[in-house]
Every structure is written in structure tokens, then in C-alpha cells.
Amino acid sequence: MTGSDKADHLRTSLKAVTMMYLKTECRYMLALTSLILSASVSYGEEPVTPPMDHVAPVLTVNTISPQEIHLGRSATYQLQVRNVGNQAAEIVVVQVALPTDARLLNASPQPGTIEEGVARFNLGKIAPRQHREIRLELKPEKTGPIQLQARTSFATQNETQIQVRQAKLELECTAPIEIGHGSLVQYELTVSNNGDGTAEDVVITPTLPSETHIGESSTAPMTFPQLAPGESRVVHFSAKALTKKALDARFAARDSMDQLAETEWHTLITRPRLEVVVDGPSIRYLHRNGEYIVRVSNPGDAPTEHIDVEMAIPFGLKILGTSKQGLCSKEENLLCWKIPQLNPAEEVQWSVYTRAIEEGRQVPQAKAKSRGGLSAVDQFATDVVLRPQLFAAVINESGPVEVGEIATFTVAVTNHGTRHANHVVIRVNLPEGMQAEERDGLKVDGQQLQFAPINLAINQRQEVMFRATGHRQGEHIVRATYGNEASEMELAVEGEAFFYSDNRTYVAEQSQGSEPTRQVE
């Protein structure tokens, strides 16, 4: 094939490639040009001109080489890669199949890789009407034609403007901030699309404590097939305020693109409480008055209204009156009061006055109940006992007495208790310097005196008397003890006696029949 035939063949191939570009709508294009060139290709061949309306890149490869090479000498081959199109060729790669009967001595630019006799040159970007050169220095190793095969590949840049839109979900909740326990909580959810794209298959799901569920419909997820840009939709959920102190609700909106919007709401649950407390005496003697304190309070955080309070008084206690106006049923021994309202932390108290009329344990009980169903109860136990209660006094009937004379004393004992005092024993201890007289019903043992036991009815008073002589001047303390079989311990009381001497001191000495002597100072 002559050089002219080869040029015609090249033009025909390039025209075919050009037609392929016109029919191809792909973003990336591959231009493959296979050239079989011999050393006899002539210089200055005319380039292929692409059609005027074609905007894709068109690459041509022109090989310039000497016509002849002597065996043993090297020669330089030039490959001119030209972009004759109207668009830049990106990532241009030229693959040159090296001849098997010639050795590559040098190349410019250097190939990226040489594998299996193919040198790969990365030329990068070639703008329209620009070209790149590849120089190869070859040394033939035998006579005959040297054939080079070059293949080019490139990519085109195709710009297509696509408007990217995105939906943007937002979720808002409106509900009571504070609500009474047991009330119905209504949640209003507003889901909005604040983006510029359409949200599809939007699902709103509530998360509420199980004890607050009213039914499946009240907490079932809500779905919207589409939510256009700028569109908002409103849904409602409901729950019972049955949790302690607060109800925490969470809501989520999710679309088909897994875009998520969340919100939550905290509702404070207020709840009134009702307490009643009864205080009183733990022990009360029979026929004694007693006071009971009734306290009704609301320790909760919400008011409670219309409280009815009843206090059942046992029949062993007689109702004398109250400090708060109310109703009294003597047949049932029942007291009733009404409290219109109790605010949080508020307390109301009053007194109930009684008298113990029966022995034994008496337990008044108070009950409080509000219209809202709150109730409270408390009671207090009082032991009504029968017990003697003794009081005594030592009375000096004589006043100041001269030494050697007799002073008269009375021990008076009274039973102020609620029971008879039987077998009351009275003992007197005289100080040194006093001597008691013997008499009926009185046992004298030195300074110790003991009277015969006596019995005392309720509120009864009895007196016992003794006489004693003073042998020393000055003040003397007389101590009396008393108690009965029901007493846990003996009680003591003291009296005094004063003996004087007119400028004389009288000392009584008893020693084996000796007479008392008076000594003059």
C-alpha cells in the first residue's frame, strides 16, 4: 500500500468515527484509532476536518518517521496527537504497540507503563486545535519495514444541569404544660415540609407510657402519602395523665427517604392529696377531761374541694364540745365537719374536748373524704385507767415549842385518784433530838413511827396524829412516807418542828436510868 492509499484509508476511518460521535449521547466517549504505519509514510498529510456542527472532540494521530533506516542505527519517530474537534478531550491515553523487530531506546514523554510490548502514554487534556507529541527512538534489529500501532482513548465532559430538591420535615407539638392527675391530655402535632422537595409517605409515630394509652386508635401512627413544599398537616393524639409527677411524650415524623424530625413534650401532672391526723392523751384517768387535736391537710400540689370529715367518738368518752363548728350526733357519738377547699400545703386543725366516763382503751377515729375520691383515716388510742392518787402533808399543829415540851403533828393523806386506795401505809421518821409518845394505832421503834393501814375512797381525806418531845433546840425535819399496794414506790413528804430554849440549852441524855440534866450556859 502506497502512502497516498494509507492517507485515504485514514481519512475514511476518521469520518466513520466522526459519524459515531454524532449519534452517541453518552457522557464519556472513546475514540479508537488503529493505525498501521510503515516507515515510508510521507510528511505533511492534510488533517481530517470534522463536520461544522460537531461539538465532540476528534483526535487524529499523525506519525512522522524517516523513509529509511540502516540496520544498527537508531531513528526517531514522532506521533502527533491532535484534537481537531470543538470540545476538549479529557484523560487522553495513547497506547503504542512497539514493533517486535526494533528496540525502544528512549521515549519523550516517558510512558506510564510498558506491558507485553505496549507502551502507555498519559497525555492528560488536549484542548480543541491543540496537539501533543510523543517521540520514540527505535533501533531496528533486522531489515524490513517497522510497523507501529497507536490507539487513543479519551473522555468528553458533558454538563447537564439537574435541579436537586430536598424535603425538610419539621415537627411541632402543642399540649398542656400542667394538668390534673387522671385528666385527658390532648396533643396537637403539626408536621411541616420546609424544604423545596416533596416528602412522600410521611409517618408520624407517638411514644407514650403504656399506662396512659386510652386505646389503639389514640396512639396509632398517622400517615400522609405526600407533603408538598411549604405544606403543613395537623394530627392529634391523646393520653390519660396517669403517671407520677410528669408525663413525657415523644413524637417522630419520618418519610420515605428516611428523613427524621422529632419533638417531645413534658407535662407536669398535679395531684391533690388528703391526710388526717388525730392527736390526744395516751392515758387519761376516769372522770378526767381530755383534748384531741384533729388536723386535715393537703400535702399534694393541686387543690382539693368539698372535704367531709367525720370523727367517731367511743361511748367511753363523753363529748364536751369542739373548737370548730360542726354537727354532733349524740345517738352515734359522731362529729361532722365540712371544709370547702384545701389548697396545696394547706392544713386545718381544731380541738375536740371529751371526758373519760368508762375505764379501758378508748379509740377516737377521724375520716376525711373529698368529692374527687380522696380519702384518709387516722385514730388515736387513750387508756382510761382507775388508779388511786395519793397526796399527803405533814402539819405541825403546835408551832414553835420550848425544849422539853411536846409538839403535836398531823399527817393528812387524800386520795385524788379514780379508784379506792386500800391498805395505805404511813411511816414517819423523826430526827435525832425528838422522841415520840406511845399511843394506840402507832408503833414506835426508836425514831421510826408506823401507823396502822387505812383505806381511802375517791376524794377521801384521812388524818393520823402523833406527839413528840423535843430535846434539842433548833429546827427539826420530820419526814413521812406513804403508799398502798397499788403504788410502784412510796411517796415522801416533809414537815418541820422548831424547839427553842430561853437562854438555856436542854440536853436529854438517857444512860442507864440517868435523869435528864439542864445545863446553863
Protein backbone atom coordinates (compact mmCIF):
# COMPACT_ATOMS: atom_id res chain seq x y z
CA MET A 1 0.00 0.00 0.00
CA THR A 2 1.38 3.41 -1.02
CA GLY A 3 1.50 6.47 1.20
CA SER A 4 -1.42 8.04 -0.67
CA ASP A 5 -3.58 4.94 -0.16
CA LYS A 6 -2.77 4.96 3.52
CA ALA A 7 -3.82 8.60 3.81
CA ASP A 8 -7.13 7.88 2.08
CA HIS A 9 -7.70 4.97 4.38
CA LEU A 10 -7.02 7.20 7.41
CA ARG A 11 -9.48 9.85 6.23
CA THR A 12 -12.18 7.24 5.71
CA SER A 13 -11.65 5.85 9.22
CA LEU A 14 -11.81 9.30 10.82
CA LYS A 15 -15.06 10.13 9.02
CA ALA A 16 -16.59 6.94 10.35
CA VAL A 17 -15.50 7.86 13.84
CA THR A 18 -17.00 11.34 13.40
CA MET A 19 -20.39 9.89 12.47
CA MET A 20 -20.30 7.76 15.58
CA TYR A 21 -19.81 10.88 17.72
CA LEU A 22 -22.85 12.49 16.17
CA LYS A 23 -25.04 9.52 17.07
CA THR A 24 -23.68 8.99 20.58
CA GLU A 25 -25.34 10.75 23.56
CA CYS A 26 -23.14 9.23 26.23
CA ARG A 27 -21.21 11.44 28.58
CA TYR A 28 -17.94 9.65 28.03
CA MET A 29 -16.62 8.83 24.55
CA LEU A 30 -13.89 6.57 23.45
CA ALA A 31 -12.10 7.34 20.21
CA LEU A 32 -10.13 4.44 18.93
CA THR A 33 -7.89 4.90 16.03
CA SER A 34 -5.82 2.00 14.85
CA LEU A 35 -3.07 2.97 12.55
CA ILE A 36 -0.63 0.68 10.81
CA LEU A 37 2.12 2.89 9.63
CA SER A 38 5.24 1.99 7.74
CA ALA A 39 8.50 3.83 7.56
CA SER A 40 7.59 5.10 4.11
CA VAL A 41 4.77 7.48 5.32
CA SER A 42 5.37 10.91 3.84
CA TYR A 43 5.39 14.26 5.63
CA GLY A 44 2.68 16.92 5.70
CA GLU A 45 -0.52 14.97 5.20
CA GLU A 46 -3.67 17.05 5.42
CA PRO A 47 -5.64 16.77 8.72
CA VAL A 48 -9.16 15.48 8.81
CA THR A 49 -11.71 18.26 9.23
CA PRO A 50 -14.77 17.31 11.35
CA PRO A 51 -18.29 18.45 10.44
CA MET A 52 -19.08 22.06 11.33
CA ASP A 53 -21.92 21.20 13.72
CA HIS A 54 -19.99 18.59 15.65
CA VAL A 55 -19.00 19.65 19.17
CA ALA A 56 -17.31 16.46 20.36
CA PRO A 57 -13.53 16.13 20.45
CA VAL A 58 -11.90 14.41 17.45
CA LEU A 59 -8.37 13.09 17.80
CA THR A 60 -6.01 12.36 14.93
CA VAL A 61 -2.65 10.62 15.18
CA ASN A 62 -0.01 11.53 12.61
CA THR A 63 3.27 9.60 12.52
CA ILE A 64 6.43 11.26 11.19
CA SER A 65 9.40 8.98 10.55
CA PRO A 66 12.45 8.70 8.26
CA GLN A 67 11.95 6.90 4.99
CA GLU A 68 14.85 4.54 5.56
CA ILE A 69 16.96 3.33 8.45
CA HIS A 70 20.22 1.48 8.26
CA LEU A 71 20.45 -1.65 10.33
CA GLY A 72 22.32 -0.97 13.58
CA ARG A 73 21.41 2.72 13.67
CA SER A 74 18.61 4.35 15.67
CA ALA A 75 15.90 6.61 14.32
CA THR A 76 13.34 8.95 15.94
CA TYR A 77 9.63 8.53 15.29
CA GLN A 78 7.12 11.30 16.14
CA LEU A 79 3.45 10.66 16.94
CA GLN A 80 1.41 13.85 16.78
CA VAL A 81 -1.94 13.56 18.59
CA ARG A 82 -4.16 16.46 17.52
CA ASN A 83 -7.66 17.42 18.67
CA VAL A 84 -9.41 18.66 15.56
CA GLY A 85 -12.81 18.76 17.29
CA ASN A 86 -14.61 21.62 19.05
CA GLN A 87 -14.51 20.20 22.61
CA ALA A 88 -11.62 19.32 24.85
CA ALA A 89 -10.60 15.70 25.12
CA GLU A 90 -10.13 14.69 28.75
CA ILE A 91 -7.82 11.98 30.08
CA VAL A 92 -6.16 11.27 26.72
CA VAL A 93 -4.30 7.96 26.72
CA VAL A 94 -2.20 6.73 23.77
CA GLN A 95 -1.22 3.08 23.67
CA VAL A 96 1.61 2.26 21.24
CA ALA A 97 2.30 -1.34 20.28
CA LEU A 98 6.09 -1.44 19.92
CA PRO A 99 7.49 -3.39 16.92
CA THR A 100 8.94 -6.76 17.77
CA ASP A 101 11.91 -6.31 15.39
CA ALA A 102 13.09 -2.99 16.88
CA ARG A 103 14.27 -1.98 20.35
CA LEU A 104 13.00 1.15 22.17
CA LEU A 105 15.97 3.21 23.29
CA ASN A 106 14.27 6.33 24.58
CA ALA A 107 10.82 7.98 24.74
CA SER A 108 9.54 11.50 25.45
CA PRO A 109 7.42 11.76 27.43
CA GLN A 110 8.21 8.63 29.35
CA PRO A 111 5.46 6.03 29.14
CA GLY A 112 3.48 5.37 32.27
CA THR A 113 3.75 1.62 31.82
CA ILE A 114 5.19 -0.84 29.29
CA GLU A 115 3.49 -4.19 29.50
CA GLU A 116 3.56 -7.01 26.95
CA GLY A 117 5.15 -4.77 24.29
CA VAL A 118 2.59 -1.95 24.69
CA ALA A 119 3.75 1.48 25.92
CA ARG A 120 1.04 3.56 27.62
CA PHE A 121 1.34 7.37 27.44
CA ASN A 122 -0.92 9.57 29.60
CA LEU A 123 -1.26 12.91 27.81
CA GLY A 124 -3.94 14.43 30.05
CA LYS A 125 -6.20 17.06 28.49
CA ILE A 126 -5.95 18.26 24.88
CA ALA A 127 -7.91 21.38 24.12
CA PRO A 128 -9.54 21.98 20.72
CA ARG A 129 -6.97 22.73 17.98
CA GLN A 130 -4.10 21.68 20.20
CA HIS A 131 -1.81 18.70 19.89
CA ARG A 132 0.67 16.62 21.88
CA GLU A 133 3.79 14.85 20.60
CA ILE A 134 5.29 11.52 21.50
CA ARG A 135 8.90 10.87 20.43
CA LEU A 136 10.20 7.33 20.19
CA GLU A 137 13.85 6.41 19.50
CA LEU A 138 13.92 2.95 17.95
CA LYS A 139 16.84 0.81 16.81
CA PRO A 140 15.96 -1.91 14.25
CA GLU A 141 17.40 -5.33 14.83
CA LYS A 142 16.72 -6.73 11.33
CA THR A 143 15.92 -5.48 7.89
CA GLY A 144 12.40 -4.89 6.66
CA PRO A 145 9.54 -2.48 7.43
CA ILE A 146 8.96 -1.24 11.01
CA GLN A 147 5.30 -1.15 11.94
CA LEU A 148 3.80 0.98 14.81
CA GLN A 149 0.26 0.56 16.11
CA ALA A 150 -1.20 3.51 18.10
CA ARG A 151 -4.56 3.53 19.87
CA THR A 152 -6.03 6.59 21.61
CA SER A 153 -8.75 6.85 24.22
CA PHE A 154 -10.25 9.92 25.86
CA ALA A 155 -13.29 11.16 27.76
CA THR A 156 -15.57 14.07 26.99
CA GLN A 157 -17.09 16.42 29.56
CA ASN A 158 -20.83 16.69 29.30
CA GLU A 159 -22.60 19.17 31.54
CA THR A 160 -26.22 18.54 32.38
CA GLN A 161 -27.94 20.81 34.90
CA ILE A 162 -30.24 18.91 37.23
CA GLN A 163 -32.17 20.77 39.89
CA VAL A 164 -31.65 18.90 43.15
CA ARG A 165 -34.50 19.35 45.59
CA GLN A 166 -34.92 18.09 49.13
CA ALA A 167 -37.81 17.89 51.51
CA LYS A 168 -37.21 19.15 55.05
CA LEU A 169 -39.54 17.88 57.74
CA GLU A 170 -40.24 19.80 60.93
CA LEU A 171 -42.47 18.64 63.77
CA GLU A 172 -44.07 20.83 66.43
CA CYS A 173 -46.19 19.82 69.42
CA THR A 174 -48.76 21.73 71.44
CA ALA A 175 -50.21 20.31 74.68
CA PRO A 176 -50.96 21.37 78.28
CA ILE A 177 -47.92 22.20 80.39
CA GLU A 178 -49.74 21.22 83.58
CA ILE A 179 -52.77 19.01 84.11
CA GLY A 180 -54.54 17.21 86.91
CA HIS A 181 -53.99 13.53 87.56
CA GLY A 182 -56.40 11.33 85.61
CA SER A 183 -57.30 14.03 83.09
CA LEU A 184 -57.15 13.61 79.31
CA VAL A 185 -54.06 15.08 77.64
CA GLN A 186 -54.61 16.22 74.04
CA TYR A 187 -51.52 16.53 71.83
CA GLU A 188 -51.68 18.59 68.62
CA LEU A 189 -48.85 17.77 66.21
CA THR A 190 -48.05 19.96 63.21
CA VAL A 191 -45.78 18.40 60.59
CA SER A 192 -44.40 20.82 58.00
CA ASN A 193 -42.30 20.47 54.87
CA ASN A 194 -40.00 23.49 54.86
CA GLY A 195 -37.84 22.17 52.02
CA ASP A 196 -38.21 22.57 48.25
CA GLY A 197 -38.89 18.91 47.52
CA THR A 198 -41.94 16.73 48.10
CA ALA A 199 -41.91 14.45 51.13
CA GLU A 200 -43.53 11.10 50.47
CA ASP A 201 -45.04 8.51 52.82
CA VAL A 202 -44.70 10.69 55.91
CA VAL A 203 -45.43 8.65 59.07
CA ILE A 204 -45.95 10.31 62.47
CA THR A 205 -45.42 7.94 65.41
CA PRO A 206 -46.12 8.76 69.09
CA THR A 207 -44.24 7.19 72.01
CA LEU A 208 -46.22 7.30 75.26
CA PRO A 209 -46.09 5.27 78.51
CA SER A 210 -48.29 2.20 78.25
CA GLU A 211 -50.39 3.09 81.28
CA THR A 212 -51.51 6.30 79.57
CA HIS A 213 -52.95 4.58 76.48
CA ILE A 214 -56.69 5.06 76.02
CA GLY A 215 -57.00 2.73 73.05
CA GLU A 216 -55.18 1.65 69.91
CA SER A 217 -56.64 4.50 67.87
CA SER A 218 -55.40 7.19 70.26
CA THR A 219 -51.75 6.25 69.79
CA ALA A 220 -51.75 4.66 66.31
CA PRO A 221 -49.25 6.15 63.78
CA MET A 222 -50.63 8.62 61.22
CA THR A 223 -49.53 8.51 57.55
CA PHE A 224 -49.63 11.13 54.77
CA PRO A 225 -48.88 9.93 51.21
CA GLN A 226 -47.33 13.27 50.22
CA LEU A 227 -46.38 16.55 51.80
CA ALA A 228 -45.67 19.27 49.25
CA PRO A 229 -43.08 22.01 49.81
CA GLY A 230 -44.47 24.56 52.26
CA GLU A 231 -47.38 22.32 53.21
CA SER A 232 -48.34 21.56 56.83
CA ARG A 233 -50.69 18.96 58.26
CA VAL A 234 -52.13 18.66 61.78
CA VAL A 235 -52.78 15.42 63.65
CA HIS A 236 -53.99 14.72 67.19
CA PHE A 237 -53.09 12.13 69.79
CA SER A 238 -54.47 11.70 73.30
CA ALA A 239 -53.41 10.02 76.55
CA LYS A 240 -54.52 9.71 80.17
CA ALA A 241 -52.45 11.55 82.79
CA LEU A 242 -51.88 8.52 84.99
CA THR A 243 -48.12 8.66 85.54
CA LYS A 244 -46.47 10.04 88.66
CA LYS A 245 -45.48 13.70 88.69
CA ALA A 246 -44.97 14.09 84.92
CA LEU A 247 -45.92 12.66 81.53
CA ASP A 248 -43.14 12.62 78.92
CA ALA A 249 -44.29 12.13 75.33
CA ARG A 250 -42.08 11.79 72.23
CA PHE A 251 -43.13 12.08 68.60
CA ALA A 252 -41.28 11.31 65.35
CA ALA A 253 -42.01 12.06 61.69
CA ARG A 254 -40.20 10.02 59.02
CA ASP A 255 -40.56 10.00 55.22
CA SER A 256 -39.67 7.50 52.50
CA MET A 257 -36.13 8.94 52.26
CA ASP A 258 -35.65 8.13 55.96
CA GLN A 259 -35.59 11.81 56.85
CA LEU A 260 -36.44 12.17 60.53
CA ALA A 261 -37.94 15.00 62.57
CA GLU A 262 -38.51 14.60 66.30
CA THR A 263 -40.05 16.53 69.17
CA GLU A 264 -41.06 15.83 72.74
CA TRP A 265 -43.40 17.31 75.33
CA HIS A 266 -43.20 17.36 79.14
CA THR A 267 -46.50 17.72 81.02
CA LEU A 268 -46.47 18.22 84.78
CA ILE A 269 -49.14 16.12 86.46
CA THR A 270 -50.57 17.76 89.55
CA ARG A 271 -52.33 15.68 92.13
CA PRO A 272 -54.04 16.64 95.40
CA ARG A 273 -53.58 14.52 98.49
CA LEU A 274 -55.56 14.23 101.67
CA GLU A 275 -54.24 13.46 105.13
CA VAL A 276 -55.91 13.43 108.53
CA VAL A 277 -54.09 13.14 111.87
CA VAL A 278 -55.57 12.73 115.35
CA ASP A 279 -53.52 13.54 118.46
CA GLY A 280 -54.56 13.21 122.08
CA PRO A 281 -53.63 11.92 125.55
CA SER A 282 -52.32 8.39 125.70
CA ILE A 283 -53.50 7.95 129.33
CA ARG A 284 -56.46 9.57 130.97
CA TYR A 285 -57.86 8.91 134.42
CA LEU A 286 -61.51 8.18 134.77
CA HIS A 287 -63.70 11.27 135.07
CA ARG A 288 -60.90 13.46 133.73
CA ASN A 289 -61.22 15.78 130.75
CA GLY A 290 -59.14 15.30 127.63
CA GLU A 291 -58.39 17.21 124.41
CA TYR A 292 -57.96 15.69 120.94
CA ILE A 293 -56.44 17.65 118.03
CA VAL A 294 -57.74 16.91 114.51
CA ARG A 295 -55.53 18.01 111.60
CA VAL A 296 -56.66 17.78 107.97
CA SER A 297 -54.09 18.74 105.32
CA ASN A 298 -53.36 18.62 101.59
CA PRO A 299 -49.67 17.72 101.04
CA GLY A 300 -50.22 17.47 97.27
CA ASP A 301 -49.58 20.01 94.50
CA ALA A 302 -53.18 20.65 93.43
CA PRO A 303 -56.22 21.88 95.40
CA THR A 304 -58.95 19.54 96.59
CA GLU A 305 -62.53 20.58 97.27
CA HIS A 306 -65.56 19.65 99.35
CA ILE A 307 -63.95 17.64 102.12
CA ASP A 308 -66.21 15.90 104.63
CA VAL A 309 -64.69 14.97 107.99
CA GLU A 310 -66.28 12.58 110.48
CA MET A 311 -64.97 11.70 113.93
CA ALA A 312 -66.41 8.71 115.72
CA ILE A 313 -66.02 9.08 119.50
CA PRO A 314 -66.27 5.88 121.57
CA PHE A 315 -69.02 5.88 124.17
CA GLY A 316 -66.42 5.63 126.91
CA LEU A 317 -65.68 9.30 126.18
CA LYS A 318 -68.31 11.97 126.61
CA ILE A 319 -68.26 14.78 124.01
CA LEU A 320 -67.98 18.14 125.73
CA GLY A 321 -67.51 20.35 122.64
CA THR A 322 -65.26 21.36 119.73
CA SER A 323 -63.38 24.49 118.70
CA LYS A 324 -64.74 24.24 115.12
CA GLN A 325 -68.39 24.49 114.30
CA GLY A 326 -69.87 21.24 113.11
CA LEU A 327 -72.67 18.75 113.62
CA CYS A 328 -72.95 16.33 116.54
CA SER A 329 -74.99 13.15 116.73
CA LYS A 330 -75.27 12.17 120.39
CA GLU A 331 -77.01 8.92 119.48
CA GLU A 332 -73.97 7.81 117.46
CA ASN A 333 -71.45 9.90 119.40
CA LEU A 334 -70.39 11.26 115.97
CA LEU A 335 -68.99 14.65 115.00
CA CYS A 336 -69.10 16.01 111.42
CA TRP A 337 -67.39 18.97 109.75
CA LYS A 338 -67.13 20.36 106.21
CA ILE A 339 -64.09 22.01 104.60
CA PRO A 340 -64.87 23.82 101.31
CA GLN A 341 -61.33 23.64 99.87
CA LEU A 342 -57.78 22.76 100.77
CA ASN A 343 -55.02 24.32 98.70
CA PRO A 344 -51.62 22.63 98.29
CA ALA A 345 -49.71 22.50 101.61
CA GLU A 346 -52.71 23.92 103.47
CA GLU A 347 -53.75 22.50 106.87
CA VAL A 348 -56.84 22.98 109.01
CA GLN A 349 -56.92 21.91 112.66
CA TRP A 350 -59.33 22.07 115.58
CA SER A 351 -59.85 20.60 119.05
CA VAL A 352 -62.37 18.10 120.40
CA TYR A 353 -63.00 18.09 124.15
CA THR A 354 -64.10 14.93 125.98
CA ARG A 355 -64.41 13.41 129.44
CA ALA A 356 -63.46 9.83 130.27
CA ILE A 357 -66.51 8.07 131.71
CA GLU A 358 -65.55 4.43 131.20
CA GLU A 359 -62.45 2.50 132.07
CA GLY A 360 -60.45 0.85 129.30
CA ARG A 361 -58.95 1.74 125.92
CA GLN A 362 -60.88 4.40 124.04
CA VAL A 363 -60.03 4.96 120.35
CA PRO A 364 -61.49 8.03 118.61
CA GLN A 365 -61.28 7.74 114.80
CA ALA A 366 -61.40 10.50 112.17
CA LYS A 367 -62.18 10.02 108.47
CA ALA A 368 -61.79 12.59 105.70
CA LYS A 369 -63.16 12.26 102.17
CA SER A 370 -63.18 14.67 99.22
CA ARG A 371 -65.57 14.91 96.32
CA GLY A 372 -62.74 13.87 93.99
CA GLY A 373 -62.49 10.47 95.67
CA LEU A 374 -59.59 11.14 98.00
CA SER A 375 -59.87 9.68 101.49
CA ALA A 376 -57.81 9.42 104.66
CA VAL A 377 -58.30 7.95 108.11
CA ASP A 378 -56.48 8.14 111.44
CA GLN A 379 -57.16 7.22 115.04
CA PHE A 380 -55.68 7.65 118.48
CA ALA A 381 -55.86 5.30 121.45
CA THR A 382 -56.34 6.56 125.00
CA ASP A 383 -56.18 4.26 128.00
CA VAL A 384 -58.69 5.32 130.64
CA VAL A 385 -57.46 3.95 133.95
CA LEU A 386 -58.78 3.63 137.52
CA ARG A 387 -56.00 4.41 139.92
CA PRO A 388 -55.69 5.95 143.33
CA GLN A 389 -53.63 9.08 143.52
CA LEU A 390 -52.43 9.95 147.00
CA PHE A 391 -51.29 13.30 148.30
CA ALA A 392 -50.00 13.83 151.87
CA ALA A 393 -48.88 16.67 154.09
CA VAL A 394 -47.15 16.88 157.49
CA ILE A 395 -48.71 19.60 159.60
CA ASN A 396 -47.17 20.95 162.81
CA GLU A 397 -50.18 21.80 164.93
CA SER A 398 -48.14 23.35 167.76
CA GLY A 399 -45.85 25.83 166.12
CA PRO A 400 -42.59 26.69 167.97
CA VAL A 401 -42.28 24.66 171.17
CA GLU A 402 -39.92 25.04 174.10
CA VAL A 403 -37.30 22.36 174.52
CA GLY A 404 -38.68 19.57 176.65
CA GLU A 405 -42.27 20.28 175.68
CA ILE A 406 -44.50 18.22 173.38
CA ALA A 407 -45.30 19.14 169.78
CA THR A 408 -48.36 17.74 168.03
CA PHE A 409 -48.16 16.68 164.37
CA THR A 410 -50.84 15.59 161.88
CA VAL A 411 -50.20 13.61 158.70
CA ALA A 412 -53.09 14.21 156.26
CA VAL A 413 -53.49 11.86 153.26
CA THR A 414 -56.01 12.48 150.41
CA ASN A 415 -56.96 10.17 147.51
CA HIS A 416 -57.35 12.33 144.39
CA GLY A 417 -57.37 9.31 142.09
CA THR A 418 -60.18 7.47 140.30
CA ARG A 419 -60.01 4.36 142.35
CA HIS A 420 -60.19 3.44 146.07
CA ALA A 421 -56.85 3.30 147.83
CA ASN A 422 -56.73 0.29 150.10
CA HIS A 423 -54.15 -0.54 152.76
CA VAL A 424 -52.45 2.81 152.79
CA VAL A 425 -49.35 2.63 155.00
CA ILE A 426 -47.95 5.77 156.61
CA ARG A 427 -44.49 5.90 158.19
CA VAL A 428 -42.74 8.79 159.97
CA ASN A 429 -39.02 9.22 160.50
CA LEU A 430 -38.11 11.55 163.39
CA PRO A 431 -34.74 13.29 163.55
CA GLU A 432 -32.31 12.94 166.43
CA GLY A 433 -33.43 15.17 169.33
CA MET A 434 -37.12 14.22 169.07
CA GLN A 435 -38.88 11.41 170.89
CA ALA A 436 -42.44 10.17 170.02
CA GLU A 437 -45.11 9.20 172.52
CA GLU A 438 -46.63 5.75 172.52
CA ARG A 439 -50.33 5.61 171.66
CA ASP A 440 -52.92 3.25 170.18
CA GLY A 441 -52.56 2.54 166.48
CA LEU A 442 -48.97 3.73 166.47
CA LYS A 443 -45.89 1.56 166.52
CA VAL A 444 -42.77 3.35 167.77
CA ASP A 445 -39.36 1.86 167.03
CA GLY A 446 -36.77 4.44 168.07
CA GLN A 447 -37.01 7.23 165.56
CA GLN A 448 -39.32 5.20 163.26
CA LEU A 449 -43.13 5.50 163.56
CA GLN A 450 -45.63 3.33 161.68
CA PHE A 451 -49.39 3.78 161.72
CA ALA A 452 -52.00 1.12 161.19
CA PRO A 453 -53.04 0.82 157.50
CA ILE A 454 -56.01 2.90 156.37
CA ASN A 455 -58.39 2.82 153.38
CA LEU A 456 -59.24 5.88 151.31
CA ALA A 457 -62.18 6.24 148.98
CA ILE A 458 -62.08 8.54 145.94
CA ASN A 459 -61.51 12.12 147.10
CA GLN A 460 -61.44 10.97 150.76
CA ARG A 461 -59.05 12.58 153.27
CA GLN A 462 -57.82 10.99 156.48
CA GLU A 463 -55.50 12.23 159.20
CA VAL A 464 -53.26 10.45 161.67
CA MET A 465 -51.67 12.18 164.65
CA PHE A 466 -48.59 11.72 166.73
CA ARG A 467 -46.90 13.65 169.54
CA ALA A 468 -43.20 14.10 170.08
CA THR A 469 -40.97 15.82 172.63
CA GLY A 470 -38.05 17.95 171.57
CA HIS A 471 -34.82 17.56 173.49
CA ARG A 472 -32.65 19.89 171.42
CA GLN A 473 -33.30 23.41 170.41
CA GLY A 474 -33.40 24.40 166.78
CA GLU A 475 -35.25 23.34 163.63
CA HIS A 476 -36.01 19.67 163.10
CA ILE A 477 -37.21 17.98 159.87
CA VAL A 478 -39.95 15.37 160.15
CA ARG A 479 -40.20 13.05 157.10
CA ALA A 480 -43.30 10.97 156.32
CA THR A 481 -43.60 8.27 153.62
CA TYR A 482 -46.84 6.77 152.35
CA GLY A 483 -48.14 4.35 149.74
CA ASN A 484 -50.51 1.48 149.15
CA GLU A 485 -50.49 -1.89 147.46
CA ALA A 486 -51.03 -0.33 144.02
CA SER A 487 -48.17 2.12 144.39
CA GLU A 488 -44.99 1.40 142.49
CA MET A 489 -42.99 3.29 145.12
CA GLU A 490 -43.53 5.12 148.36
CA LEU A 491 -44.01 8.86 148.28
CA ALA A 492 -42.42 11.20 150.78
CA VAL A 493 -43.39 14.47 152.37
CA GLU A 494 -41.63 16.57 154.98
CA GLY A 495 -42.64 18.88 157.82
CA GLU A 496 -40.71 20.87 160.38
CA ALA A 497 -40.64 21.45 164.11
CA PHE A 498 -38.86 24.23 165.96
CA PHE A 499 -37.78 23.85 169.57
CA TYR A 500 -36.35 26.78 171.49
CA SER A 501 -34.79 27.47 174.92
CA ASP A 502 -34.80 30.77 176.87
CA ASN A 503 -31.00 31.26 177.32
CA ARG A 504 -30.66 27.62 178.16
CA THR A 505 -29.78 24.50 176.32
CA TYR A 506 -31.60 21.39 177.37
CA VAL A 507 -29.90 18.16 176.55
CA ALA A 508 -31.69 14.94 177.27
CA GLU A 509 -29.37 12.11 177.90
CA GLN A 510 -30.60 8.66 178.66
CA SER A 511 -28.00 6.38 180.02
CA GLN A 512 -28.97 3.54 182.32
CA GLY A 513 -31.60 5.33 184.33
CA SER A 514 -29.84 8.70 184.49
CA GLU A 515 -32.10 11.73 184.72
CA PRO A 516 -32.04 14.42 182.13
CA THR A 517 -29.98 17.38 183.21
CA ARG A 518 -30.19 21.02 182.36
CA GLN A 519 -27.07 22.87 181.62
CA VAL A 520 -26.88 26.60 181.98
CA GLU A 521 -24.74 28.41 179.56
